[in-house]
Protein backbone atom coordinates (compact mmCIF):
# COMPACT_ATOMS: atom_id res chain seq x y z
CA MET A 1 -4.30 37.49 -58.12
CA ALA A 2 -4.23 35.49 -54.94
CA LEU A 3 -6.88 36.19 -52.34
CA ARG A 4 -6.35 36.11 -48.60
CA GLN A 5 -8.02 33.62 -46.30
CA ALA A 6 -11.12 35.19 -44.80
CA ALA A 7 -11.45 36.55 -41.34
CA ARG A 8 -14.46 35.04 -39.63
CA ALA A 9 -16.69 36.78 -37.15
CA PRO A 10 -15.87 35.55 -33.64
CA ARG A 11 -18.07 32.69 -32.42
CA PRO A 12 -17.21 29.55 -30.52
CA THR A 13 -18.26 27.42 -33.50
CA GLY A 14 -16.20 29.46 -35.97
CA ALA A 15 -19.01 31.04 -37.97
CA PRO A 16 -21.81 33.52 -37.26
CA ARG A 17 -25.42 32.37 -37.46
CA THR A 18 -28.15 34.02 -39.48
CA ARG A 19 -31.80 33.18 -38.76
CA SER A 20 -31.55 29.57 -39.91
CA THR A 21 -28.20 29.21 -41.67
CA GLU A 22 -24.69 29.32 -40.30
CA ALA A 23 -22.63 31.74 -42.41
CA ALA A 24 -19.06 31.49 -43.65
CA LEU A 25 -17.52 34.94 -44.19
CA PHE A 26 -14.59 35.67 -46.49
CA ARG A 27 -12.69 38.90 -47.23
CA ASP A 28 -10.52 39.15 -50.34
CA GLY A 29 -7.34 41.18 -50.80
CA ASP A 30 -9.35 44.16 -52.05
CA GLY A 31 -11.51 44.18 -48.92
CA GLU A 32 -14.62 42.71 -50.58
CA VAL A 33 -16.60 40.58 -48.11
CA TYR A 34 -18.61 37.51 -49.13
CA ALA A 35 -21.08 35.50 -47.04
CA VAL A 36 -22.21 32.00 -47.99
CA GLY A 37 -23.75 29.10 -46.12
CA ASN A 38 -21.29 27.14 -44.00
CA ARG A 39 -22.80 23.69 -44.68
CA ASP A 40 -20.93 21.69 -47.33
CA PRO A 41 -23.70 20.31 -49.57
CA PHE A 42 -21.61 17.25 -50.46
CA SER A 43 -20.64 16.11 -46.95
CA GLY A 44 -23.35 17.81 -44.87
CA ALA A 45 -20.68 19.12 -42.48
CA ASP A 46 -20.48 22.77 -41.37
CA VAL A 47 -16.97 23.33 -42.72
CA ILE A 48 -17.04 25.88 -45.56
CA ALA A 49 -15.68 28.60 -43.22
CA ASP A 50 -12.54 26.45 -42.91
CA GLY A 51 -12.14 26.22 -46.70
CA ILE A 52 -9.34 27.72 -48.76
CA MET A 53 -10.18 30.97 -50.51
CA GLY A 54 -8.68 31.74 -53.91
CA SER A 55 -9.74 32.34 -57.49
CA ARG A 56 -10.50 30.22 -60.54
CA ASP A 57 -10.49 31.95 -63.92
CA GLY A 58 -10.86 35.30 -62.13
CA VAL A 59 -13.82 34.13 -60.03
CA PRO A 60 -13.48 34.41 -56.22
CA VAL A 61 -13.96 30.90 -54.84
CA VAL A 62 -13.74 28.85 -51.68
CA ALA A 63 -12.71 25.20 -51.83
CA SER A 64 -14.47 22.90 -49.39
CA PRO A 65 -11.99 21.37 -46.93
CA MET A 66 -13.82 18.04 -47.18
CA HIS A 67 -13.81 17.08 -50.86
CA LYS A 68 -12.27 20.22 -52.44
CA GLN A 69 -15.25 21.27 -54.60
CA GLU A 70 -14.97 24.96 -55.42
CA PHE A 71 -17.84 27.41 -54.94
CA ASP A 72 -18.23 30.87 -56.51
CA LEU A 73 -18.39 33.29 -53.57
CA ARG A 74 -20.55 35.75 -55.56
CA THR A 75 -23.30 33.31 -56.56
CA GLY A 76 -22.76 30.22 -54.38
CA ALA A 77 -22.63 28.01 -57.50
CA CYS A 78 -20.42 24.94 -57.38
CA LEU A 79 -17.92 25.19 -60.24
CA ASP A 80 -17.43 21.42 -60.22
CA ASP A 81 -21.14 20.46 -60.23
CA PRO A 82 -23.54 23.12 -61.60
CA GLU A 83 -26.55 21.47 -59.96
CA VAL A 84 -25.19 22.18 -56.45
CA SER A 85 -24.78 25.53 -54.70
CA LEU A 86 -24.29 27.26 -51.38
CA PRO A 87 -26.80 29.86 -50.22
CA VAL A 88 -25.49 33.43 -50.61
CA LEU A 89 -26.22 35.44 -47.48
CA PRO A 90 -26.28 39.18 -46.75
CA VAL A 91 -23.02 40.58 -45.42
CA PRO A 92 -23.49 42.18 -42.00
CA PRO A 93 -23.17 46.00 -42.33
CA ALA A 94 -20.39 46.12 -39.73
CA LEU A 95 -18.19 43.96 -41.99
CA ARG A 96 -18.62 45.90 -45.24
């Protein structure tokens, strides 16, 4: 099943900020919302919110727009390098 590209909370930089981490928000076709850190751990750029959302073996993922590594939106784990992950953040109540 294909998943839709996420809607991001409005901010001039393209992603909402939590206390110390910029968040990338994604909503799938079933309405489930995921929040992960926006910083790509491979490039160091804040670009995950611009990634392509989809699925890999039934797992909801986002592919980094920089080097295309895929991250599990439920756990933050990189599916291409298990030693790397994105922080998983709480979804704001207004977006659930």
